[in-house]
Each structure stands twice: as C-alpha cells, then as structure tokens.
PDB file of N, CA and C in Angstrom:
ATOM      1  N   MET A   1     -18.229  13.144   8.336  1.00  0.00           N
ATOM      2  CA  MET A   1     -17.187  13.937   7.207  1.00  0.00           C
ATOM      3  C   MET A   1     -18.339  14.059   6.178  1.00  0.00           C
ATOM      4  N   ASN A   2     -18.290  15.665   5.885  1.00  0.00           N
ATOM      5  CA  ASN A   2     -19.217  15.676   4.418  1.00  0.00           C
ATOM      6  C   ASN A   2     -18.393  15.405   3.494  1.00  0.00           C
ATOM      7  N   VAL A   3     -18.988  15.992   2.229  1.00  0.00           N
ATOM      8  CA  VAL A   3     -18.158  15.609   0.771  1.00  0.00           C
ATOM      9  C   VAL A   3     -17.001  16.558   0.735  1.00  0.00           C
ATOM     10  N   MET A   4     -17.003  17.845   1.419  1.00  0.00           N
ATOM     11  CA  MET A   4     -15.822  19.060   1.073  1.00  0.00           C
ATOM     12  C   MET A   4     -14.801  18.377   1.945  1.00  0.00           C
ATOM     13  N   GLU A   5     -15.096  17.825   3.279  1.00  0.00           N
ATOM     14  CA  GLU A   5     -14.195  17.536   3.923  1.00  0.00           C
ATOM     15  C   GLU A   5     -13.243  16.500   3.618  1.00  0.00           C
ATOM     16  N   ARG A   6     -14.210  15.478   3.309  1.00  0.00           N
ATOM     17  CA  ARG A   6     -13.418  14.191   2.351  1.00  0.00           C
ATOM     18  C   ARG A   6     -12.430  14.819   1.365  1.00  0.00           C
ATOM     19  N   LYS A   7     -13.099  15.565   0.192  1.00  0.00           N
ATOM     20  CA  LYS A   7     -12.263  16.079  -0.951  1.00  0.00           C
ATOM     21  C   LYS A   7     -10.796  16.651  -0.204  1.00  0.00           C
ATOM     22  N   ASN A   8     -11.136  17.514   0.965  1.00  0.00           N
ATOM     23  CA  ASN A   8      -9.778  18.146   1.518  1.00  0.00           C
ATOM     24  C   ASN A   8      -9.035  17.161   2.032  1.00  0.00           C
ATOM     25  N   THR A   9      -9.685  16.161   2.790  1.00  0.00           N
ATOM     26  CA  THR A   9      -8.602  15.184   3.150  1.00  0.00           C
ATOM     27  C   THR A   9      -7.566  14.544   1.970  1.00  0.00           C
ATOM     28  N   ASP A  10      -8.682  13.933   1.174  1.00  0.00           N
ATOM     29  CA  ASP A  10      -7.745  13.304  -0.136  1.00  0.00           C
ATOM     30  C   ASP A  10      -6.764  14.286  -0.682  1.00  0.00           C
ATOM     31  N   LEU A  11      -7.176  15.440  -0.886  1.00  0.00           N
ATOM     32  CA  LEU A  11      -6.286  16.190  -1.340  1.00  0.00           C
ATOM     33  C   LEU A  11      -4.997  16.535  -0.896  1.00  0.00           C
ATOM     34  N   ILE A  12      -5.502  16.533   0.547  1.00  0.00           N
ATOM     35  CA  ILE A  12      -4.130  16.703   1.569  1.00  0.00           C
ATOM     36  C   ILE A  12      -3.118  15.610   1.482  1.00  0.00           C
ATOM     37  N   LYS A  13      -3.613  14.481   1.425  1.00  0.00           N
ATOM     38  CA  LYS A  13      -3.193  13.131   1.259  1.00  0.00           C
ATOM     39  C   LYS A  13      -1.978  12.911   0.178  1.00  0.00           C
ATOM     40  N   GLU A  14      -2.812  13.441  -0.756  1.00  0.00           N
ATOM     41  CA  GLU A  14      -1.907  13.600  -2.373  1.00  0.00           C
ATOM     42  C   GLU A  14      -0.873  14.655  -2.247  1.00  0.00           C
ATOM     43  N   PHE A  15      -1.189  15.937  -1.912  1.00  0.00           N
ATOM     44  CA  PHE A  15      -0.187  16.680  -1.648  1.00  0.00           C
ATOM     45  C   PHE A  15       1.036  16.236  -0.603  1.00  0.00           C
ATOM     46  N   ASN A  16       0.471  15.906   0.188  1.00  0.00           N
ATOM     47  CA  ASN A  16       1.775  15.148   0.991  1.00  0.00           C
ATOM     48  C   ASN A  16       2.590  14.124   0.159  1.00  0.00           C
ATOM     49  N   ARG A  17       2.054  13.418  -0.561  1.00  0.00           N
ATOM     50  CA  ARG A  17       2.740  12.431  -1.560  1.00  0.00           C
ATOM     51  C   ARG A  17       3.477  13.075  -2.322  1.00  0.00           C
ATOM     52  N   TYR A  18       3.035  14.186  -2.941  1.00  0.00           N
ATOM     53  CA  TYR A  18       3.721  15.038  -3.933  1.00  0.00           C
ATOM     54  C   TYR A  18       5.033  15.567  -3.407  1.00  0.00           C
ATOM     55  N   ILE A  19       4.893  16.334  -2.315  1.00  0.00           N
ATOM     56  CA  ILE A  19       5.920  16.965  -1.315  1.00  0.00           C
ATOM     57  C   ILE A  19       7.057  16.029  -1.287  1.00  0.00           C
ATOM     58  N   ARG A  20       6.823  14.610  -0.685  1.00  0.00           N
ATOM     59  CA  ARG A  20       7.881  13.831  -0.453  1.00  0.00           C
ATOM     60  C   ARG A  20       8.513  13.467  -1.664  1.00  0.00           C
ATOM     61  N   GLU A  21       7.971  13.262  -2.920  1.00  0.00           N
ATOM     62  CA  GLU A  21       8.859  12.930  -4.100  1.00  0.00           C
ATOM     63  C   GLU A  21       9.092  14.221  -4.726  1.00  0.00           C
ATOM     64  N   HIS A  22       8.798  15.664  -4.302  1.00  0.00           N
ATOM     65  CA  HIS A  22       9.445  16.801  -4.795  1.00  0.00           C
ATOM     66  C   HIS A  22       9.724  17.591  -3.809  1.00  0.00           C
ATOM     67  N   PRO A  23      10.736  17.387  -2.960  1.00  0.00           N
ATOM     68  CA  PRO A  23      11.047  18.502  -1.743  1.00  0.00           C
ATOM     69  C   PRO A  23      11.167  19.669  -2.082  1.00  0.00           C
ATOM     70  N   ASP A  24      11.911  19.778  -3.323  1.00  0.00           N
ATOM     71  CA  ASP A  24      12.008  21.481  -3.463  1.00  0.00           C
ATOM     72  C   ASP A  24      10.747  22.342  -3.595  1.00  0.00           C
ATOM     73  N   PHE A  25       9.546  21.900  -4.238  1.00  0.00           N
ATOM     74  CA  PHE A  25       8.419  22.660  -3.995  1.00  0.00           C
ATOM     75  C   PHE A  25       8.168  22.976  -2.825  1.00  0.00           C
ATOM     76  N   ALA A  26       8.469  21.906  -1.483  1.00  0.00           N
ATOM     77  CA  ALA A  26       8.217  22.508  -0.112  1.00  0.00           C
ATOM     78  C   ALA A  26       8.970  23.637   0.243  1.00  0.00           C
ATOM     79  N   ASP A  27      10.096  23.838  -0.535  1.00  0.00           N
ATOM     80  CA  ASP A  27      10.794  24.947  -0.127  1.00  0.00           C
ATOM     81  C   ASP A  27      10.248  26.409  -0.472  1.00  0.00           C
ATOM     82  N   ALA A  28       9.236  26.640  -1.114  1.00  0.00           N
ATOM     83  CA  ALA A  28       8.538  27.546  -1.524  1.00  0.00           C
ATOM     84  C   ALA A  28       7.666  28.067  -0.495  1.00  0.00           C
ATOM     85  N   ILE A  29       7.273  27.347   0.181  1.00  0.00           N
ATOM     86  CA  ILE A  29       6.397  27.326   1.426  1.00  0.00           C
ATOM     87  C   ILE A  29       6.667  27.855   2.802  1.00  0.00           C
ATOM     88  N   PRO A  30       6.277  29.074   2.950  1.00  0.00           N
ATOM     89  CA  PRO A  30       6.808  29.417   4.429  1.00  0.00           C
ATOM     90  C   PRO A  30       6.594  28.717   5.422  1.00  0.00           C
ATOM     91  N   GLN A  31       7.597  28.626   6.442  1.00  0.00           N
ATOM     92  CA  GLN A  31       7.344  27.997   8.073  1.00  0.00           C
ATOM     93  C   GLN A  31       6.122  28.404   8.573  1.00  0.00           C
ATOM     94  N   ASN A  32       5.529  27.321   8.949  1.00  0.00           N
ATOM     95  CA  ASN A  32       4.214  27.647   9.784  1.00  0.00           C
ATOM     96  C   ASN A  32       3.039  28.289   8.905  1.00  0.00           C
ATOM     97  N   ALA A  33       3.015  28.030   7.734  1.00  0.00           N
ATOM     98  CA  ALA A  33       2.166  28.355   6.505  1.00  0.00           C
ATOM     99  C   ALA A  33       0.720  27.632   6.729  1.00  0.00           C
ATOM    100  N   PHE A  34      -0.327  28.414   6.747  1.00  0.00           N
ATOM    101  CA  PHE A  34      -1.638  27.396   6.272  1.00  0.00           C
ATOM    102  C   PHE A  34      -1.654  27.436   5.323  1.00  0.00           C
ATOM    103  N   VAL A  35      -1.867  26.117   4.950  1.00  0.00           N
ATOM    104  CA  VAL A  35      -1.737  25.623   3.293  1.00  0.00           C
ATOM    105  C   VAL A  35      -3.264  25.414   3.029  1.00  0.00           C
ATOM    106  N   ILE A  36      -3.902  26.180   1.953  1.00  0.00           N
ATOM    107  CA  ILE A  36      -5.148  25.796   1.657  1.00  0.00           C
ATOM    108  C   ILE A  36      -5.234  25.051   0.113  1.00  0.00           C
ATOM    109  N   MET A  37      -5.746  24.382   0.128  1.00  0.00           N
ATOM    110  CA  MET A  37      -5.826  23.132  -1.048  1.00  0.00           C
ATOM    111  C   MET A  37      -7.218  24.074  -1.959  1.00  0.00           C
ATOM    112  N   GLN A  38      -6.993  23.961  -3.432  1.00  0.00           N
ATOM    113  CA  GLN A  38      -7.596  24.410  -4.322  1.00  0.00           C
ATOM    114  C   GLN A  38      -7.697  23.536  -5.486  1.00  0.00           C
ATOM    115  N   LEU A  39      -8.763  23.343  -5.648  1.00  0.00           N
ATOM    116  CA  LEU A  39      -8.821  22.291  -7.298  1.00  0.00           C
ATOM    117  C   LEU A  39      -9.142  22.949  -8.448  1.00  0.00           C
ATOM    118  N   GLU A  40      -8.622  23.184  -9.076  1.00  0.00           N
ATOM    119  CA  GLU A  40      -8.712  23.891 -10.568  1.00  0.00           C
ATOM    120  C   GLU A  40      -9.978  23.384 -11.187  1.00  0.00           C
ATOM    121  N   GLY A  41     -11.036  24.102 -11.342  1.00  0.00           N
ATOM    122  CA  GLY A  41     -12.493  23.784 -11.933  1.00  0.00           C
ATOM    123  C   GLY A  41     -13.516  23.599 -11.172  1.00  0.00           C
ATOM    124  N   ASP A  42     -12.938  23.399  -9.716  1.00  0.00           N
ATOM    125  CA  ASP A  42     -14.070  22.933  -8.643  1.00  0.00           C
ATOM    126  C   ASP A  42     -14.592  24.228  -7.918  1.00  0.00           C
ATOM    127  N   GLU A  43     -14.901  25.241  -8.332  1.00  0.00           N
ATOM    128  CA  GLU A  43     -15.274  26.528  -7.717  1.00  0.00           C
ATOM    129  C   GLU A  43     -15.996  26.211  -6.294  1.00  0.00           C
ATOM    130  N   GLU A  44     -16.706  25.507  -6.297  1.00  0.00           N
ATOM    131  CA  GLU A  44     -17.784  25.376  -4.993  1.00  0.00           C
ATOM    132  C   GLU A  44     -16.465  24.674  -3.770  1.00  0.00           C
ATOM    133  N   PHE A  45     -15.876  23.954  -4.373  1.00  0.00           N
ATOM    134  CA  PHE A  45     -14.726  23.391  -3.343  1.00  0.00           C
ATOM    135  C   PHE A  45     -13.704  24.547  -2.932  1.00  0.00           C
ATOM    136  N   ASN A  46     -13.202  25.023  -4.084  1.00  0.00           N
ATOM    137  CA  ASN A  46     -12.412  26.708  -3.642  1.00  0.00           C
ATOM    138  C   ASN A  46     -12.980  27.345  -2.681  1.00  0.00           C
ATOM    139  N   ASN A  47     -14.374  27.702  -2.857  1.00  0.00           N
ATOM    140  CA  ASN A  47     -14.998  28.655  -2.192  1.00  0.00           C
ATOM    141  C   ASN A  47     -15.196  27.932  -0.583  1.00  0.00           C
ATOM    142  N   TRP A  48     -15.165  26.921  -0.483  1.00  0.00           N
ATOM    143  CA  TRP A  48     -15.461  26.002   0.807  1.00  0.00           C
ATOM    144  C   TRP A  48     -13.935  26.234   1.353  1.00  0.00           C
ATOM    145  N   SER A  49     -13.204  25.707   0.716  1.00  0.00           N
ATOM    146  CA  SER A  49     -11.588  25.865   1.370  1.00  0.00           C
ATOM    147  C   SER A  49     -11.251  27.075   1.833  1.00  0.00           C
ATOM    148  N   CYS A  50     -11.732  28.175   1.027  1.00  0.00           N
ATOM    149  CA  CYS A  50     -11.656  29.532   1.349  1.00  0.00           C
ATOM    150  C   CYS A  50     -12.143  30.435   2.701  1.00  0.00           C
ATOM    151  N   GLN A  51     -13.042  29.414   2.756  1.00  0.00           N
ATOM    152  CA  GLN A  51     -14.077  29.895   4.205  1.00  0.00           C
ATOM    153  C   GLN A  51     -13.255  29.419   4.950  1.00  0.00           C
ATOM    154  N   LEU A  52     -13.080  28.112   5.146  1.00  0.00           N
ATOM    155  CA  LEU A  52     -12.426  27.160   5.929  1.00  0.00           C
ATOM    156  C   LEU A  52     -10.990  27.849   6.395  1.00  0.00           C
ATOM    157  N   ALA A  53     -10.384  28.492   5.556  1.00  0.00           N
ATOM    158  CA  ALA A  53      -9.008  29.210   5.979  1.00  0.00           C
ATOM    159  C   ALA A  53      -9.460  30.600   6.694  1.00  0.00           C
ATOM    160  N   LYS A  54     -10.253  31.380   6.550  1.00  0.00           N
ATOM    161  CA  LYS A  54     -10.533  32.550   7.130  1.00  0.00           C
ATOM    162  C   LYS A  54     -11.011  32.064   8.116  1.00  0.00           C
ATOM    163  N   SER A  55     -11.961  31.116   8.790  1.00  0.00           N
ATOM    164  CA  SER A  55     -11.871  30.880  10.109  1.00  0.00           C
ATOM    165  C   SER A  55     -11.161  29.877  10.953  1.00  0.00           C
ATOM    166  N   HIS A  56     -10.021  29.526  10.291  1.00  0.00           N
ATOM    167  CA  HIS A  56      -8.797  28.815  10.895  1.00  0.00           C
ATOM    168  C   HIS A  56      -7.639  29.374  10.880  1.00  0.00           C
ATOM    169  N   THR A  57      -7.250  30.701  10.549  1.00  0.00           N
ATOM    170  CA  THR A  57      -6.117  31.360  10.431  1.00  0.00           C
ATOM    171  C   THR A  57      -6.065  32.668  11.633  1.00  0.00           C
ATOM    172  N   GLU A  58      -5.025  32.734  12.079  1.00  0.00           N
ATOM    173  CA  GLU A  58      -4.999  34.142  12.692  1.00  0.00           C
ATOM    174  C   GLU A  58      -4.353  35.281  11.966  1.00  0.00           C
ATOM    175  N   LYS A  59      -4.656  36.578  12.503  1.00  0.00           N
ATOM    176  CA  LYS A  59      -4.003  37.640  11.957  1.00  0.00           C
ATOM    177  C   LYS A  59      -2.369  37.488  11.740  1.00  0.00           C
ATOM    178  N   ASP A  60      -1.785  37.903  10.556  1.00  0.00           N
ATOM    179  CA  ASP A  60      -0.450  37.519  10.488  1.00  0.00           C
ATOM    180  C   ASP A  60       0.008  36.142  10.133  1.00  0.00           C
ATOM    181  N   GLU A  61      -0.758  35.469  10.028  1.00  0.00           N
ATOM    182  CA  GLU A  61      -0.217  33.809   9.733  1.00  0.00           C
ATOM    183  C   GLU A  61      -0.400  33.692   8.439  1.00  0.00           C
ATOM    184  N   PRO A  62       0.948  33.324   7.855  1.00  0.00           N
ATOM    185  CA  PRO A  62       1.035  32.957   6.534  1.00  0.00           C
ATOM    186  C   PRO A  62       0.276  31.883   5.986  1.00  0.00           C
ATOM    187  N   VAL A  63      -0.381  32.513   4.722  1.00  0.00           N
ATOM    188  CA  VAL A  63      -1.464  31.581   4.036  1.00  0.00           C
ATOM    189  C   VAL A  63      -0.841  31.238   2.713  1.00  0.00           C
ATOM    190  N   VAL A  64      -0.862  29.703   2.309  1.00  0.00           N
ATOM    191  CA  VAL A  64      -0.574  29.723   0.594  1.00  0.00           C
ATOM    192  C   VAL A  64      -1.652  28.930   0.631  1.00  0.00           C
ATOM    193  N   PHE A  65      -1.725  29.306  -1.094  1.00  0.00           N
ATOM    194  CA  PHE A  65      -3.071  28.575  -1.663  1.00  0.00           C
ATOM    195  C   PHE A  65      -2.320  27.352  -2.862  1.00  0.00           C
ATOM    196  N   VAL A  66      -2.272  26.180  -2.829  1.00  0.00           N
ATOM    197  CA  VAL A  66      -1.942  25.208  -3.733  1.00  0.00           C
ATOM    198  C   VAL A  66      -2.835  25.153  -4.614  1.00  0.00           C
ATOM    199  N   ARG A  67      -3.020  25.604  -5.659  1.00  0.00           N
ATOM    200  CA  ARG A  67      -3.885  24.979  -6.581  1.00  0.00           C
ATOM    201  C   ARG A  67      -3.730  23.766  -7.480  1.00  0.00           C
ATOM    202  N   ILE A  68      -4.243  22.743  -7.334  1.00  0.00           N
ATOM    203  CA  ILE A  68      -4.000  21.405  -7.908  1.00  0.00           C
ATOM    204  C   ILE A  68      -4.606  21.633  -9.520  1.00  0.00           C
ATOM    205  N   LYS A  69      -3.990  21.452 -10.086  1.00  0.00           N
ATOM    206  CA  LYS A  69      -4.332  21.712 -11.475  1.00  0.00           C
ATOM    207  C   LYS A  69      -4.870  20.347 -12.610  1.00  0.00           C
ATOM    208  N   LYS A  70      -4.252  19.334 -11.949  1.00  0.00           N
ATOM    209  CA  LYS A  70      -4.876  17.989 -12.495  1.00  0.00           C
ATOM    210  C   LYS A  70      -4.170  17.126 -11.676  1.00  0.00           C
ATOM    211  N   ILE A  71      -5.172  15.975 -11.722  1.00  0.00           N
ATOM    212  CA  ILE A  71      -4.995  14.983 -10.573  1.00  0.00           C
ATOM    213  C   ILE A  71      -5.514  13.530 -11.231  1.00  0.00           C
ATOM    214  N   MET A  72      -4.823  12.582 -11.313  1.00  0.00           N
ATOM    215  CA  MET A  72      -5.006  11.414 -11.984  1.00  0.00           C
ATOM    216  C   MET A  72      -5.927  10.551 -10.800  1.00  0.00           C
ATOM    217  N   PRO A  73      -7.092   9.722 -11.267  1.00  0.00           N
ATOM    218  CA  PRO A  73      -7.821   9.040 -10.826  1.00  0.00           C
ATOM    219  C   PRO A  73      -7.061   7.892  -9.782  1.00  0.00           C
ATOM    220  N   ILE A  74      -7.515   7.908  -8.637  1.00  0.00           N
ATOM    221  CA  ILE A  74      -6.966   6.731  -7.518  1.00  0.00           C
ATOM    222  C   ILE A  74      -7.278   5.403  -8.231  1.00  0.00           C
ATOM    223  N   ARG A  75      -6.053   4.347  -8.015  1.00  0.00           N
ATOM    224  CA  ARG A  75      -6.112   3.275  -8.680  1.00  0.00           C
ATOM    225  C   ARG A  75      -5.833   2.432  -7.429  1.00  0.00           C
ATOM    226  N   THR A  76      -6.380   1.298  -7.288  1.00  0.00           N
ATOM    227  CA  THR A  76      -6.030   0.450  -6.367  1.00  0.00           C
ATOM    228  C   THR A  76      -4.761  -0.568  -6.527  1.00  0.00           C
ATOM    229  N   ARG A  77      -4.108  -0.583  -5.885  1.00  0.00           N
ATOM    230  CA  ARG A  77      -2.812  -1.269  -5.515  1.00  0.00           C
ATOM    231  C   ARG A  77      -2.985  -2.422  -5.506  1.00  0.00           C
ATOM    232  N   ILE A  78      -4.090  -3.194  -5.204  1.00  0.00           N
ATOM    233  CA  ILE A  78      -4.155  -4.731  -5.059  1.00  0.00           C
ATOM    234  C   ILE A  78      -4.028  -5.210  -6.611  1.00  0.00           C
ATOM    235  N   LYS A  79      -3.027  -6.545  -6.713  1.00  0.00           N
ATOM    236  CA  LYS A  79      -2.975  -6.931  -7.750  1.00  0.00           C
ATOM    237  C   LYS A  79      -3.726  -8.455  -7.696  1.00  0.00           C
ATOM    238  N   GLU A  80      -4.244  -9.143  -6.757  1.00  0.00           N
ATOM    239  CA  GLU A  80      -5.174 -10.122  -6.721  1.00  0.00           C
ATOM    240  C   GLU A  80      -6.032 -10.305  -5.679  1.00  0.00           C
ATOM    241  N   LEU A  81      -6.831 -10.588  -5.751  1.00  0.00           N
ATOM    242  CA  LEU A  81      -8.274 -10.791  -4.652  1.00  0.00           C
ATOM    243  C   LEU A  81      -8.703 -12.152  -4.722  1.00  0.00           C
ATOM    244  N   GLU A  82      -9.147 -12.882  -3.393  1.00  0.00           N
ATOM    245  CA  GLU A  82      -9.845 -13.943  -3.463  1.00  0.00           C
ATOM    246  C   GLU A  82     -11.220 -13.855  -2.639  1.00  0.00           C
ATOM    247  N   LEU A  83     -12.229 -14.379  -2.851  1.00  0.00           N
ATOM    248  CA  LEU A  83     -13.384 -14.493  -2.217  1.00  0.00           C
ATOM    249  C   LEU A  83     -13.372 -15.713  -1.451  1.00  0.00           C
ATOM    250  N   CYS A  84     -13.082 -15.400  -0.008  1.00  0.00           N
ATOM    251  CA  CYS A  84     -12.754 -16.714   0.815  1.00  0.00           C
ATOM    252  C   CYS A  84     -14.356 -17.156   1.391  1.00  0.00           C
ATOM    253  N   LYS A  85     -15.071 -16.394   1.753  1.00  0.00           N
ATOM    254  CA  LYS A  85     -16.224 -16.994   2.411  1.00  0.00           C
ATOM    255  C   LYS A  85     -17.418 -16.040   2.056  1.00  0.00           C
ATOM    256  N   GLN A  86     -18.676 -16.297   1.792  1.00  0.00           N
ATOM    257  CA  GLN A  86     -19.816 -15.610   1.658  1.00  0.00           C
ATOM    258  C   GLN A  86     -20.630 -15.638   2.984  1.00  0.00           C
ATOM    259  N   ILE A  87     -21.207 -14.537   3.567  1.00  0.00           N
ATOM    260  CA  ILE A  87     -21.859 -14.962   4.910  1.00  0.00           C
ATOM    261  C   ILE A  87     -23.537 -14.302   4.205  1.00  0.00           C
ATOM    262  N   ALA A  88     -24.401 -15.259   4.279  1.00  0.00           N
ATOM    263  CA  ALA A  88     -25.625 -15.235   4.205  1.00  0.00           C
ATOM    264  C   ALA A  88     -26.658 -14.267   4.992  1.00  0.00           C
TER     265      ALA A  88
END
C-alpha cells in the first residue's frame, strides 16, 4: 500500500466514524454514489484521489467530493502499558 492509498484509507475510516456520529450528513449523499475524499491543503492527494475516481467510476454514476477541512491528530486510546519481556 503506497502513501496515498494509506491516507485515503485513513480518511475513509474517519469519514465513516463521522457519518455514524452525524447521520444527517449522509442524507445529502445520493444512493450508490462514489465518494471521493479530498483534504484541504493537500493538492497532491486531492489530484491523486480525483484520478482514482476517474478510473473507477462509470458514466452517469453519481460522484460526491467530500472535502475534509480540518482533522485532528490521531491519538491512542491506550491508558496504560507494561513491558513484560524483552527478547534479545
């Protein structure tokens, strides 16, 4: 998986979480639409995702661009760790 694919996968995961928390947002997306992730300020990724859309969509298929304007850094949910054994 290259860097763009990884970024796209991460954004899709975050988008899915957002939709679960804000189901009304999903109502604006047409049924069976191809959703294209865009990230404000990242033109290289945005161009890559547009090319991906062009190569995967069919004529007359609805396409929706979702521009993520702000995303918070990923933080761990781990509260406590213990190193049990170190292997040399």
